C-alpha atoms as a PDB file:
ATOM      1  CA  MET A   1     109.676 -18.256  89.190  1.00  0.00           C
ATOM      2  CA  ALA A   2     111.119 -21.532  87.175  1.00  0.00           C
ATOM      3  CA  ARG A   3     113.146 -21.228  83.782  1.00  0.00           C
ATOM      4  CA  LEU A   4     110.034 -20.780  80.535  1.00  0.00           C
ATOM      5  CA  GLU A   5     110.223 -21.667  77.238  1.00  0.00           C
ATOM      6  CA  ILE A   6     107.923 -19.950  75.021  1.00  0.00           C
ATOM      7  CA  ARG A   7     107.698 -21.035  71.501  1.00  0.00           C
ATOM      8  CA  TRP A   8     105.809 -19.070  68.694  1.00  0.00           C
ATOM      9  CA  HIS A   9     104.188 -19.996  65.446  1.00  0.00           C
ATOM     10  CA  GLY A  10     103.044 -17.413  62.732  1.00  0.00           C
ATOM     11  CA  ARG A  11     103.591 -16.383  59.380  1.00  0.00           C
ATOM     12  CA  GLY A  12     105.684 -13.914  57.825  1.00  0.00           C
ATOM     13  CA  GLY A  13     104.136 -10.328  58.120  1.00  0.00           C
ATOM     14  CA  MET A  14     101.560 -11.833  61.353  1.00  0.00           C
ATOM     15  CA  GLY A  15     104.553 -10.617  63.769  1.00  0.00           C
ATOM     16  CA  ALA A  16     105.353 -13.881  65.445  1.00  0.00           C
ATOM     17  CA  LYS A  17     108.781 -12.380  65.658  1.00  0.00           C
ATOM     18  CA  THR A  18     108.341  -8.904  67.379  1.00  0.00           C
ATOM     19  CA  ALA A  19     105.767 -10.491  69.767  1.00  0.00           C
ATOM     20  CA  ALA A  20     108.836 -12.549  71.270  1.00  0.00           C
ATOM     21  CA  LEU A  21     111.236  -9.802  71.312  1.00  0.00           C
ATOM     22  CA  LEU A  22     108.750  -7.306  72.813  1.00  0.00           C
ATOM     23  CA  LEU A  23     108.106  -9.963  75.569  1.00  0.00           C
ATOM     24  CA  GLY A  24     111.719 -10.303  76.318  1.00  0.00           C
ATOM     25  CA  GLU A  25     112.943  -6.694  76.039  1.00  0.00           C
ATOM     26  CA  ALA A  26     109.357  -6.657  78.929  1.00  0.00           C
ATOM     27  CA  LEU A  27     111.373  -8.734  81.130  1.00  0.00           C
ATOM     28  CA  ILE A  28     114.452  -7.329  81.418  1.00  0.00           C
ATOM     29  CA  ALA A  29     113.091  -4.183  81.167  1.00  0.00           C
ATOM     30  CA  HIS A  30     111.844  -5.764  84.680  1.00  0.00           C
ATOM     31  CA  HIS A  31     115.014  -7.413  86.154  1.00  0.00           C
ATOM     32  CA  LYS A  32     114.396 -10.355  84.796  1.00  0.00           C
ATOM     33  CA  TYR A  33     116.779 -12.821  81.890  1.00  0.00           C
ATOM     34  CA  ALA A  34     115.112 -13.367  78.595  1.00  0.00           C
ATOM     35  CA  GLN A  35     116.434 -14.465  75.087  1.00  0.00           C
ATOM     36  CA  ALA A  36     114.168 -13.802  71.705  1.00  0.00           C
ATOM     37  CA  PHE A  37     114.785 -14.925  69.216  1.00  0.00           C
ATOM     38  CA  PRO A  38     113.471 -15.764  65.110  1.00  0.00           C
ATOM     39  CA  GLU A  39     113.683 -19.079  63.090  1.00  0.00           C
ATOM     40  CA  TYR A  40     113.125 -18.032  59.722  1.00  0.00           C
ATOM     41  CA  GLY A  41     112.043 -20.749  56.550  1.00  0.00           C
ATOM     42  CA  PRO A  42     112.607 -19.122  52.742  1.00  0.00           C
ATOM     43  CA  GLU A  43     111.638 -15.126  54.689  1.00  0.00           C
ATOM     44  CA  ARG A  44     108.818 -14.312  52.982  1.00  0.00           C
ATOM     45  CA  ARG A  45     105.278 -12.574  53.652  1.00  0.00           C
ATOM     46  CA  GLY A  46     103.764 -15.680  54.558  1.00  0.00           C
ATOM     47  CA  ALA A  47     106.489 -18.151  55.110  1.00  0.00           C
ATOM     48  CA  PRO A  48     105.853 -19.876  58.325  1.00  0.00           C
ATOM     49  CA  VAL A  49     108.011 -18.703  61.262  1.00  0.00           C
ATOM     50  CA  LYS A  50     108.911 -20.023  64.618  1.00  0.00           C
ATOM     51  CA  ALA A  51     109.883 -17.582  67.044  1.00  0.00           C
ATOM     52  CA  TYR A  52     111.578 -17.807  71.330  1.00  0.00           C
ATOM     53  CA  THR A  53     111.022 -17.078  74.276  1.00  0.00           C
ATOM     54  CA  ARG A  54     112.826 -18.171  76.878  1.00  0.00           C
ATOM     55  CA  LEU A  55     112.768 -16.907  80.485  1.00  0.00           C
ATOM     56  CA  ASP A  56     114.750 -16.576  83.830  1.00  0.00           C
ATOM     57  CA  ASP A  57     115.211 -15.290  87.084  1.00  0.00           C
ATOM     58  CA  GLU A  58     118.593 -16.748  86.395  1.00  0.00           C
ATOM     59  CA  PRO A  59     121.296 -15.771  83.928  1.00  0.00           C
ATOM     60  CA  ILE A  60     120.944 -17.685  80.889  1.00  0.00           C
ATOM     61  CA  TYR A  61     123.695 -20.283  79.209  1.00  0.00           C
ATOM     62  CA  ILE A  62     121.508 -22.315  76.923  1.00  0.00           C
ATOM     63  CA  HIS A  63     121.889 -20.604  73.402  1.00  0.00           C
ATOM     64  CA  SER A  64     119.454 -22.926  71.388  1.00  0.00           C
ATOM     65  CA  GLY A  65     115.634 -23.251  69.626  1.00  0.00           C
ATOM     66  CA  ILE A  66     112.895 -24.565  71.860  1.00  0.00           C
ATOM     67  CA  THR A  67     112.547 -27.596  71.102  1.00  0.00           C
ATOM     68  CA  GLN A  68     110.213 -28.429  74.771  1.00  0.00           C
ATOM     69  CA  PRO A  69     108.099 -25.692  75.516  1.00  0.00           C
ATOM     70  CA  ASP A  70     106.130 -24.774  78.044  1.00  0.00           C
ATOM     71  CA  ILE A  71     104.262 -22.717  76.305  1.00  0.00           C
ATOM     72  CA  VAL A  72     103.440 -23.280  72.782  1.00  0.00           C
ATOM     73  CA  VAL A  73     101.698 -20.155  71.089  1.00  0.00           C
ATOM     74  CA  VAL A  74     100.017 -20.406  67.231  1.00  0.00           C
ATOM     75  CA  LEU A  75      98.996 -16.828  65.349  1.00  0.00           C
ATOM     76  CA  ASP A  76      97.620 -18.252  62.698  1.00  0.00           C
ATOM     77  CA  PRO A  77      95.390 -21.196  63.185  1.00  0.00           C
ATOM     78  CA  ARG A  78      95.605 -23.213  60.191  1.00  0.00           C
ATOM     79  CA  LEU A  79     100.009 -23.952  61.425  1.00  0.00           C
ATOM     80  CA  ILE A  80      98.308 -26.242  64.155  1.00  0.00           C
ATOM     81  CA  LYS A  81      97.955 -29.069  61.086  1.00  0.00           C
ATOM     82  CA  GLU A  82     101.772 -29.040  60.912  1.00  0.00           C
ATOM     83  CA  LYS A  83     104.029 -31.748  62.849  1.00  0.00           C
ATOM     84  CA  GLU A  84     105.917 -29.856  64.069  1.00  0.00           C
ATOM     85  CA  THR A  85     103.638 -26.959  65.726  1.00  0.00           C
ATOM     86  CA  LEU A  86     102.446 -28.725  68.801  1.00  0.00           C
ATOM     87  CA  GLU A  87     105.841 -31.641  68.733  1.00  0.00           C
ATOM     88  CA  GLY A  88     107.971 -31.381  72.364  1.00  0.00           C
ATOM     89  CA  LEU A  89     105.229 -28.964  74.194  1.00  0.00           C
ATOM     90  CA  LYS A  90     105.945 -30.277  78.188  1.00  0.00           C
ATOM     91  CA  GLU A  91     103.021 -32.446  79.627  1.00  0.00           C
ATOM     92  CA  ASN A  92     101.094 -29.820  81.452  1.00  0.00           C
ATOM     93  CA  GLY A  93     102.089 -27.130  79.374  1.00  0.00           C
ATOM     94  CA  LYS A  94      99.648 -24.330  77.484  1.00  0.00           C
ATOM     95  CA  LEU A  95      98.961 -23.915  74.413  1.00  0.00           C
ATOM     96  CA  LEU A  96      97.762 -20.718  73.276  1.00  0.00           C
ATOM     97  CA  VAL A  97      96.022 -20.804  69.558  1.00  0.00           C
ATOM     98  CA  ASN A  98      94.638 -17.526  67.808  1.00  0.00           C
ATOM     99  CA  THR A  99      90.574 -18.745  66.565  1.00  0.00           C
ATOM    100  CA  THR A 100      87.262 -18.215  67.032  1.00  0.00           C
ATOM    101  CA  LEU A 101      86.111 -21.808  68.560  1.00  0.00           C
ATOM    102  CA  GLU A 102      86.175 -22.053  72.489  1.00  0.00           C
ATOM    103  CA  PRO A 103      89.060 -23.534  73.804  1.00  0.00           C
ATOM    104  CA  GLY A 104      86.602 -27.413  74.412  1.00  0.00           C
ATOM    105  CA  GLU A 105      85.763 -26.955  70.797  1.00  0.00           C
ATOM    106  CA  LEU A 106      89.301 -26.870  69.815  1.00  0.00           C
ATOM    107  CA  ARG A 107      90.707 -29.928  71.285  1.00  0.00           C
ATOM    108  CA  LYS A 108      87.448 -31.821  69.692  1.00  0.00           C
ATOM    109  CA  LYS A 109      88.334 -30.953  67.223  1.00  0.00           C
ATOM    110  CA  LEU A 110      92.078 -31.601  67.376  1.00  0.00           C
ATOM    111  CA  GLU A 111      91.276 -34.886  68.437  1.00  0.00           C
ATOM    112  CA  SER A 112      89.688 -35.610  65.586  1.00  0.00           C
ATOM    113  CA  GLU A 113      92.337 -35.364  63.510  1.00  0.00           C
ATOM    114  CA  ASN A 114      94.642 -37.109  65.573  1.00  0.00           C
ATOM    115  CA  LEU A 115      96.244 -34.054  67.065  1.00  0.00           C
ATOM    116  CA  VAL A 116      96.963 -35.580  70.001  1.00  0.00           C
ATOM    117  CA  LEU A 117      98.059 -33.217  72.901  1.00  0.00           C
ATOM    118  CA  PRO A 118     100.464 -34.755  76.016  1.00  0.00           C
ATOM    119  CA  GLN A 119      98.991 -34.391  79.859  1.00  0.00           C
ATOM    120  CA  GLY A 120      97.768 -31.823  81.378  1.00  0.00           C
ATOM    121  CA  VAL A 121      98.082 -29.968  78.329  1.00  0.00           C
ATOM    122  CA  LYS A 122      95.036 -26.830  78.977  1.00  0.00           C
ATOM    123  CA  ILE A 123      94.472 -25.309  75.945  1.00  0.00           C
ATOM    124  CA  TYR A 124      93.193 -21.426  75.956  1.00  0.00           C
ATOM    125  CA  THR A 125      91.503 -19.686  72.382  1.00  0.00           C
ATOM    126  CA  VAL A 126      91.324 -15.809  71.960  1.00  0.00           C
ATOM    127  CA  ASP A 127      90.010 -13.784  68.251  1.00  0.00           C
ATOM    128  CA  ALA A 128      92.901 -12.303  67.937  1.00  0.00           C
ATOM    129  CA  SER A 129      92.728 -11.738  64.381  1.00  0.00           C
ATOM    130  CA  GLY A 130      89.480 -10.567  65.001  1.00  0.00           C
ATOM    131  CA  ILE A 131      90.381  -7.825  67.944  1.00  0.00           C
ATOM    132  CA  ALA A 132      93.494  -6.266  65.481  1.00  0.00           C
ATOM    133  CA  LYS A 133      91.189  -5.964  62.348  1.00  0.00           C
ATOM    134  CA  SER A 134      88.448  -3.894  64.376  1.00  0.00           C
ATOM    135  CA  ILE A 135      91.039  -2.106  66.334  1.00  0.00           C
ATOM    136  CA  LEU A 136      94.508  -2.180  64.225  1.00  0.00           C
ATOM    137  CA  GLY A 137      92.364  -2.388  60.918  1.00  0.00           C
ATOM    138  CA  VAL A 138      94.968  -5.192  59.896  1.00  0.00           C
ATOM    139  CA  ASN A 139      95.444  -9.049  60.571  1.00  0.00           C
ATOM    140  CA  ILE A 140      98.302  -8.732  62.496  1.00  0.00           C
ATOM    141  CA  PRO A 141      97.802 -10.494  65.635  1.00  0.00           C
ATOM    142  CA  ASN A 142     101.028 -10.117  67.271  1.00  0.00           C
ATOM    143  CA  THR A 143      99.842  -7.463  69.985  1.00  0.00           C
ATOM    144  CA  PRO A 144      96.604  -9.316  70.752  1.00  0.00           C
ATOM    145  CA  MET A 145      97.802 -12.127  71.065  1.00  0.00           C
ATOM    146  CA  LEU A 146     100.882 -11.259  73.529  1.00  0.00           C
ATOM    147  CA  GLY A 147      97.910  -9.804  75.802  1.00  0.00           C
ATOM    148  CA  ALA A 148      96.971 -13.511  75.876  1.00  0.00           C
ATOM    149  CA  LEU A 149      99.707 -14.756  76.845  1.00  0.00           C
ATOM    150  CA  ILE A 150     100.102 -12.260  79.946  1.00  0.00           C
ATOM    151  CA  LYS A 151      97.360 -13.059  81.079  1.00  0.00           C
ATOM    152  CA  ILE A 152      96.744 -17.522  81.456  1.00  0.00           C
ATOM    153  CA  SER A 153     101.111 -17.323  81.807  1.00  0.00           C
ATOM    154  CA  ASN A 154     101.389 -14.609  85.327  1.00  0.00           C
ATOM    155  CA  VAL A 155     105.144 -13.768  83.585  1.00  0.00           C
ATOM    156  CA  MET A 156     104.441  -9.860  84.865  1.00  0.00           C
ATOM    157  CA  GLU A 157     101.572  -7.735  85.846  1.00  0.00           C
ATOM    158  CA  LEU A 158     100.249  -5.979  82.695  1.00  0.00           C
ATOM    159  CA  ASP A 159     100.387  -3.030  83.634  1.00  0.00           C
ATOM    160  CA  GLU A 160     104.262  -3.615  83.725  1.00  0.00           C
ATOM    161  CA  PHE A 161     104.304  -5.611  80.387  1.00  0.00           C
ATOM    162  CA  ILE A 162     102.195  -1.897  79.197  1.00  0.00           C
ATOM    163  CA  GLU A 163     104.978   0.095  80.499  1.00  0.00           C
ATOM    164  CA  ALA A 164     107.277  -1.335  78.992  1.00  0.00           C
ATOM    165  CA  VAL A 165     105.456  -1.987  75.748  1.00  0.00           C
ATOM    166  CA  GLU A 166     104.104   1.349  75.214  1.00  0.00           C
ATOM    167  CA  LYS A 167     108.319   2.661  75.459  1.00  0.00           C
ATOM    168  CA  ARG A 168     109.457   0.126  72.813  1.00  0.00           C
ATOM    169  CA  LEU A 169     107.128   1.426  70.464  1.00  0.00           C
ATOM    170  CA  SER A 170     107.058   5.081  70.907  1.00  0.00           C
ATOM    171  CA  VAL A 171     110.572   4.962  69.603  1.00  0.00           C
ATOM    172  CA  LYS A 172     109.941   3.395  66.305  1.00  0.00           C
ATOM    173  CA  PHE A 173     105.608   4.019  65.510  1.00  0.00           C
ATOM    174  CA  LYS A 174     103.280   7.257  66.434  1.00  0.00           C
ATOM    175  CA  ASP A 175     101.104   7.967  69.139  1.00  0.00           C
ATOM    176  CA  GLU A 176      97.983   6.420  67.619  1.00  0.00           C
ATOM    177  CA  ILE A 177      99.533   3.315  66.842  1.00  0.00           C
ATOM    178  CA  VAL A 178     101.327   2.789  70.038  1.00  0.00           C
ATOM    179  CA  LYS A 179      97.900   3.446  72.219  1.00  0.00           C
ATOM    180  CA  LYS A 180      95.724   1.238  69.533  1.00  0.00           C
ATOM    181  CA  ASN A 181      98.258  -1.222  70.621  1.00  0.00           C
ATOM    182  CA  ILE A 182      97.464  -1.418  73.978  1.00  0.00           C
ATOM    183  CA  GLU A 183      94.355  -1.355  73.613  1.00  0.00           C
ATOM    184  CA  ALA A 184      94.115  -4.945  71.726  1.00  0.00           C
ATOM    185  CA  ILE A 185      96.762  -5.713  74.088  1.00  0.00           C
ATOM    186  CA  ARG A 186      94.418  -5.221  77.043  1.00  0.00           C
ATOM    187  CA  LYS A 187      91.261  -6.500  75.265  1.00  0.00           C
ATOM    188  CA  ALA A 188      92.724  -9.952  74.506  1.00  0.00           C
ATOM    189  CA  TYR A 189      93.962  -9.742  78.210  1.00  0.00           C
ATOM    190  CA  GLU A 190      90.492  -9.737  78.989  1.00  0.00           C
ATOM    191  CA  GLU A 191      88.831 -11.720  76.426  1.00  0.00           C
ATOM    192  CA  VAL A 192      91.050 -14.982  76.183  1.00  0.00           C
ATOM    193  CA  LYS A 193      89.573 -18.172  77.226  1.00  0.00           C
ATOM    194  CA  GLY A 194      90.454 -21.386  78.951  1.00  0.00           C
ATOM    195  CA  GLU A 195      89.135 -24.828  79.635  1.00  0.00           C
END
């Protein structure tokens, strides 16, 4: 696996930071090199938040934010209009958005708002908020977005990822909450759509 850089865009309370960290920890648990860290503006619920996950088969010596991501993950679709959300996305990259829109509908909407994607970027969508509300009872879409990301990125097998996430979440949460998060990951893995 060549180096892969992922930038997460969400709002405080949506779990972007936690998602970036869970992915990084899962990769490390399966013998990959990874970095995962947040970048905050004003630290408050609802404020825009960026987080990063960088992974590789080789040691990673760079220590900075990701300005040219291979994948952009958007937890709050309203953030897609912000210039910095799509900024630097590589040609032939991937855009994963939490929305009820189909990928083709989202592309048309972006074009109508003069938000131009680099050449060859593939769009993926999943209703992560809907999944989170129905399974977890709250609009915290981070674990469903992780399920969708595992599917579109092929960075590791779903079962390996779930094993690592279960181990990590069980340290902090009751079994029922862990099981619901795993269910949300699996559902989004199955439901993510791409062009």
